[in-house]
Amino acid sequence: MTLGNGMHRSALAAMIFIAGVCAAQAQDPATRPQGASNVSTALVKDLAPTGKLRAAINLVDLARELARRLNLPLELVPFDAAGKVFEALKAGAWDIAFLAIEPVRAAEIAFTAPYVIIEGVYMVPKDSALRAVADVDREGVRIAVNKGSAYDLFLTRTLKHAQLVRGENGIELFLRDRLEAAAGVKQPLVEYAKTNPAVRIMDGRFMEIRQAMGTPKQRYQGREDAPRYLHAFVEEMKATGFVAKALKRSNQPDAAVAPPAD
């Protein structure tokens, strides 16, 4: 397996998302969806001040359904990494985003409850002496991570001894620099490991990634209608099976629908 193919595998989720972007761009952006529910004009203006619902990264099906309910055209805003979505927040590049809940992000993003739960795992060389998740946090262990990802933020807070090595592509760093481990979302790491007999996925997880919908906090200045609406929307999408069907369509069998929230 070449390094280029490894990078391709690690970008699988981003490619699925971009395919959704291309499909959306083939539609007339001026066409407003039909059958929208009754939503107040003030709430729509809060959520989408440009007159379009701009959705950054991940579950396209949820973004399309929300735009339909708001009676707005949908503009999908592609990013190749979750950390870049958060960086784009200050530029006002998006109205809603699909990101893992993290304290650093939650200071600036109003998150719903999670709609899906994903595992963060380690990949190591096949002959590595590291066997359990607890073994990784020791002196001399270098862990490759995607810069600004949820697992980068989590491991930055929790690791005591191991060193994080950050970059645009964690698998590339892991292979190129012969690091002791790579941290990441379970699905793309498992897919890559199937193609490369020189690596293995460590049993167990180091974190539970809670993926949620978020919207910029600074926009609302104490007004809670829009965040409450998004919270109720996500809970309905979980309860009706919409999220489960979307995960199946996007071939994410290892992701679990999050439990109901209050």
Protein backbone atom coordinates (compact mmCIF):
# COMPACT_ATOMS: atom_id res chain seq x y z
CA MET A 1 0.00 0.00 0.00
CA THR A 2 1.47 3.34 -1.03
CA LEU A 3 1.43 6.45 1.10
CA GLY A 4 -0.84 8.11 -1.46
CA ASN A 5 -3.40 5.33 -1.11
CA GLY A 6 -3.21 5.63 2.66
CA MET A 7 -4.01 9.31 2.41
CA HIS A 8 -6.91 8.46 0.10
CA ARG A 9 -8.38 6.07 2.63
CA SER A 10 -8.04 8.52 5.52
CA ALA A 11 -9.96 11.11 3.49
CA LEU A 12 -12.89 8.75 2.80
CA ALA A 13 -15.42 10.66 4.85
CA ALA A 14 -14.44 13.99 3.29
CA MET A 15 -14.84 12.51 -0.19
CA ILE A 16 -18.33 11.27 0.62
CA PHE A 17 -19.18 14.77 1.78
CA ILE A 18 -17.77 16.43 -1.33
CA ALA A 19 -19.82 14.07 -3.50
CA GLY A 20 -22.87 15.43 -1.70
CA VAL A 21 -21.69 18.96 -2.43
CA CYS A 22 -21.44 18.21 -6.15
CA ALA A 23 -24.96 16.79 -6.19
CA ALA A 24 -26.33 19.85 -4.42
CA GLN A 25 -24.54 22.25 -6.78
CA ALA A 26 -26.22 20.55 -9.73
CA GLN A 27 -29.55 21.93 -8.50
CA ASP A 28 -30.77 25.46 -9.14
CA PRO A 29 -29.61 27.36 -6.00
CA ALA A 30 -32.42 29.89 -6.40
CA THR A 31 -35.10 27.21 -6.10
CA ARG A 32 -36.65 27.11 -2.66
CA PRO A 33 -37.71 23.69 -1.39
CA GLN A 34 -41.40 22.90 -1.19
CA GLY A 35 -43.36 21.52 1.74
CA ALA A 36 -41.58 23.50 4.42
CA SER A 37 -42.98 23.61 7.95
CA ASN A 38 -44.24 26.78 9.62
CA VAL A 39 -41.20 28.54 11.07
CA SER A 40 -41.06 32.16 12.20
CA THR A 41 -39.34 34.73 9.99
CA ALA A 42 -37.18 35.92 12.90
CA LEU A 43 -35.88 32.41 13.59
CA VAL A 44 -35.05 31.87 9.91
CA LYS A 45 -33.19 35.21 9.81
CA ASP A 46 -31.19 34.25 12.90
CA LEU A 47 -30.18 30.88 11.47
CA ALA A 48 -29.56 32.05 7.90
CA PRO A 49 -28.88 35.82 7.69
CA THR A 50 -27.66 35.57 4.07
CA GLY A 51 -30.95 34.04 2.88
CA LYS A 52 -29.32 30.64 2.33
CA LEU A 53 -28.61 27.93 4.90
CA ARG A 54 -24.85 27.40 4.71
CA ALA A 55 -23.92 23.99 6.09
CA ALA A 56 -20.33 22.95 6.78
CA ILE A 57 -19.14 19.34 6.63
CA ASN A 58 -20.56 15.89 7.35
CA LEU A 59 -24.14 14.61 7.29
CA VAL A 60 -25.63 16.15 4.15
CA ASP A 61 -29.05 14.53 4.64
CA LEU A 62 -29.66 16.43 7.89
CA ALA A 63 -28.66 19.74 6.30
CA ARG A 64 -31.03 19.19 3.39
CA GLU A 65 -33.95 18.35 5.67
CA LEU A 66 -33.32 21.43 7.83
CA ALA A 67 -33.18 23.67 4.75
CA ARG A 68 -36.47 22.17 3.55
CA ARG A 69 -38.14 22.97 6.84
CA LEU A 70 -36.80 26.52 6.84
CA ASN A 71 -37.92 26.96 3.22
CA LEU A 72 -34.37 28.01 2.22
CA PRO A 73 -31.96 27.00 -0.50
CA LEU A 74 -29.04 24.98 0.85
CA GLU A 75 -25.40 25.88 0.24
CA LEU A 76 -22.97 23.14 1.29
CA VAL A 77 -19.59 24.57 2.33
CA PRO A 78 -16.85 21.93 1.94
CA PHE A 79 -13.90 21.60 4.33
CA ASP A 80 -11.40 18.74 4.34
CA ALA A 81 -10.98 18.71 8.13
CA ALA A 82 -13.12 19.49 11.15
CA GLY A 83 -10.47 21.79 12.59
CA LYS A 84 -10.79 24.03 9.53
CA VAL A 85 -14.54 24.30 10.07
CA PHE A 86 -13.92 25.74 13.53
CA GLU A 87 -11.25 28.11 12.18
CA ALA A 88 -13.77 29.41 9.61
CA LEU A 89 -16.26 30.33 12.34
CA LYS A 90 -14.82 33.83 12.88
CA ALA A 91 -15.08 34.55 9.17
CA GLY A 92 -18.81 33.80 9.27
CA ALA A 93 -18.40 31.15 6.58
CA TRP A 94 -21.23 28.89 7.74
CA ASP A 95 -24.58 28.94 9.57
CA ILE A 96 -24.67 25.36 10.82
CA ALA A 97 -21.93 22.76 11.13
CA PHE A 98 -21.64 19.12 12.09
CA LEU A 99 -18.81 18.72 14.58
CA ALA A 100 -17.76 16.73 17.62
CA ILE A 101 -18.72 18.43 20.88
CA GLU A 102 -15.57 19.75 22.57
CA PRO A 103 -15.19 22.33 25.38
CA VAL A 104 -12.93 24.58 23.24
CA ARG A 105 -15.51 24.62 20.45
CA ALA A 106 -18.50 24.89 22.80
CA ALA A 107 -17.22 28.25 24.03
CA GLU A 108 -18.10 29.68 20.60
CA ILE A 109 -20.63 27.22 19.15
CA ALA A 110 -24.13 26.45 20.42
CA PHE A 111 -24.31 22.66 20.08
CA THR A 112 -27.36 20.43 20.00
CA ALA A 113 -27.24 17.13 21.83
CA PRO A 114 -25.24 14.58 19.79
CA TYR A 115 -26.95 12.80 16.92
CA VAL A 116 -24.30 10.09 16.56
CA ILE A 117 -21.57 8.48 18.66
CA ILE A 118 -18.24 7.56 17.05
CA GLU A 119 -15.18 5.91 18.62
CA GLY A 120 -11.68 7.34 18.69
CA VAL A 121 -9.05 4.59 18.39
CA TYR A 122 -5.31 4.08 17.94
CA MET A 123 -3.50 2.48 15.01
CA VAL A 124 0.00 1.10 15.66
CA PRO A 125 2.62 -0.91 13.75
CA LYS A 126 1.71 -4.59 13.67
CA ASP A 127 4.72 -5.61 15.80
CA SER A 128 4.29 -2.74 18.31
CA ALA A 129 4.73 -3.50 22.00
CA LEU A 130 1.73 -1.27 22.69
CA ARG A 131 -1.22 -3.57 23.39
CA ALA A 132 -3.78 -1.64 25.45
CA VAL A 133 -5.02 1.95 25.21
CA ALA A 134 -3.43 2.74 28.58
CA ASP A 135 -0.02 1.70 27.22
CA VAL A 136 0.05 4.59 24.76
CA ASP A 137 0.39 7.41 27.29
CA ARG A 138 4.03 6.91 28.15
CA GLU A 139 7.33 8.72 27.59
CA GLY A 140 8.80 8.25 24.13
CA VAL A 141 5.47 7.52 22.43
CA ARG A 142 4.62 9.88 19.56
CA ILE A 143 1.02 10.00 18.35
CA ALA A 144 -0.01 11.38 14.96
CA VAL A 145 -3.25 13.41 14.90
CA ASN A 146 -5.10 15.61 12.45
CA LYS A 147 -4.53 19.16 13.69
CA GLY A 148 -7.60 20.68 15.37
CA SER A 149 -9.63 17.47 15.29
CA ALA A 150 -11.82 16.44 18.22
CA TYR A 151 -9.33 13.75 19.22
CA ASP A 152 -6.43 16.24 19.02
CA LEU A 153 -8.28 18.53 21.46
CA PHE A 154 -9.21 15.60 23.73
CA LEU A 155 -5.72 14.10 23.83
CA THR A 156 -4.18 17.53 24.38
CA ARG A 157 -6.20 17.76 27.59
CA THR A 158 -5.79 14.20 28.81
CA LEU A 159 -2.35 12.85 27.86
CA LYS A 160 0.31 13.11 30.57
CA HIS A 161 3.42 11.65 28.95
CA ALA A 162 3.01 10.85 25.23
CA GLN A 163 3.75 13.50 22.58
CA LEU A 164 1.23 14.60 19.94
CA VAL A 165 2.48 15.22 16.39
CA ARG A 166 0.00 17.36 14.47
CA GLY A 167 -0.52 17.74 10.74
CA GLU A 168 -3.05 17.84 7.93
CA ASN A 169 -3.09 14.04 7.58
CA GLY A 170 -2.42 11.85 10.62
CA ILE A 171 -1.90 8.64 8.66
CA GLU A 172 0.67 10.32 6.44
CA LEU A 173 2.57 11.58 9.50
CA PHE A 174 2.40 8.17 11.17
CA LEU A 175 3.89 6.41 8.13
CA ARG A 176 6.38 9.03 7.02
CA ASP A 177 7.90 9.73 10.44
CA ARG A 178 7.60 6.14 11.71
CA LEU A 179 5.64 7.24 14.76
CA GLU A 180 4.51 4.88 17.50
CA ALA A 181 0.76 5.43 17.01
CA ALA A 182 -1.88 7.29 15.02
CA ALA A 183 -5.10 8.49 16.65
CA GLY A 184 -8.30 8.92 14.72
CA VAL A 185 -11.92 8.10 14.03
CA LYS A 186 -12.45 4.34 13.99
CA GLN A 187 -14.00 3.90 10.54
CA PRO A 188 -11.26 5.39 8.29
CA LEU A 189 -8.48 3.84 10.38
CA VAL A 190 -10.09 0.41 10.19
CA GLU A 191 -10.54 0.78 6.43
CA TYR A 192 -6.89 1.72 6.01
CA ALA A 193 -5.65 -1.10 8.24
CA LYS A 194 -7.49 -3.63 6.04
CA THR A 195 -5.26 -2.60 3.15
CA ASN A 196 -1.93 -2.49 4.99
CA PRO A 197 -0.72 -5.65 6.80
CA ALA A 198 2.06 -3.67 8.50
CA VAL A 199 -0.38 -1.95 10.89
CA ARG A 200 -3.17 -2.95 13.28
CA ILE A 201 -5.97 -1.25 15.18
CA MET A 202 -5.60 -1.42 18.93
CA ASP A 203 -8.48 -2.97 20.87
CA GLY A 204 -10.62 -0.50 22.82
CA ARG A 205 -11.17 3.21 22.40
CA PHE A 206 -9.51 6.22 23.95
CA MET A 207 -12.56 8.47 23.60
CA GLU A 208 -16.19 8.63 22.56
CA ILE A 209 -16.72 11.26 19.89
CA ARG A 210 -20.16 12.91 20.21
CA GLN A 211 -21.07 14.37 16.84
CA ALA A 212 -23.65 17.19 16.94
CA MET A 213 -25.09 20.08 14.98
CA GLY A 214 -23.83 23.52 15.97
CA THR A 215 -24.45 27.17 15.15
CA PRO A 216 -22.38 30.31 16.01
CA LYS A 217 -23.13 31.58 19.53
CA GLN A 218 -22.17 35.20 18.90
CA ARG A 219 -24.95 35.60 16.36
CA TYR A 220 -27.82 35.29 18.84
CA GLN A 221 -26.83 37.63 21.70
CA GLY A 222 -28.88 35.83 24.31
CA ARG A 223 -31.75 34.84 21.99
CA GLU A 224 -32.36 31.13 22.39
CA ASP A 225 -35.08 30.40 19.81
CA ALA A 226 -32.72 29.21 17.07
CA PRO A 227 -30.52 26.92 19.24
CA ARG A 228 -33.67 25.45 20.84
CA TYR A 229 -35.16 24.84 17.39
CA LEU A 230 -32.02 23.01 16.24
CA HIS A 231 -31.99 20.92 19.43
CA ALA A 232 -35.61 19.84 18.87
CA PHE A 233 -34.90 19.18 15.19
CA VAL A 234 -32.01 16.81 15.96
CA GLU A 235 -34.00 14.96 18.61
CA GLU A 236 -36.84 14.44 16.13
CA MET A 237 -34.40 13.20 13.47
CA LYS A 238 -33.03 10.63 15.91
CA ALA A 239 -36.44 9.50 17.15
CA THR A 240 -37.95 9.02 13.68
CA GLY A 241 -35.04 6.93 12.37
CA PHE A 242 -33.90 9.64 9.95
CA VAL A 243 -30.33 9.66 11.33
CA ALA A 244 -30.08 5.86 11.30
CA LYS A 245 -31.13 5.73 7.65
CA ALA A 246 -28.68 8.51 6.74
CA LEU A 247 -25.81 6.62 8.38
CA LYS A 248 -26.76 3.49 6.47
CA ARG A 249 -26.84 5.39 3.17
CA SER A 250 -23.40 6.87 3.83
CA ASN A 251 -21.97 3.45 4.76
CA GLN A 252 -21.07 4.19 8.38
CA PRO A 253 -22.02 0.91 10.11
CA ASP A 254 -19.77 1.47 13.13
CA ALA A 255 -21.41 4.78 14.06
CA ALA A 256 -24.28 4.54 16.55
CA VAL A 257 -27.24 6.89 16.80
CA ALA A 258 -26.93 8.86 20.03
CA PRO A 259 -29.52 8.23 22.76
CA PRO A 260 -32.39 10.70 23.28
CA ALA A 261 -31.64 13.90 25.16
CA ASP A 262 -33.93 16.10 27.25
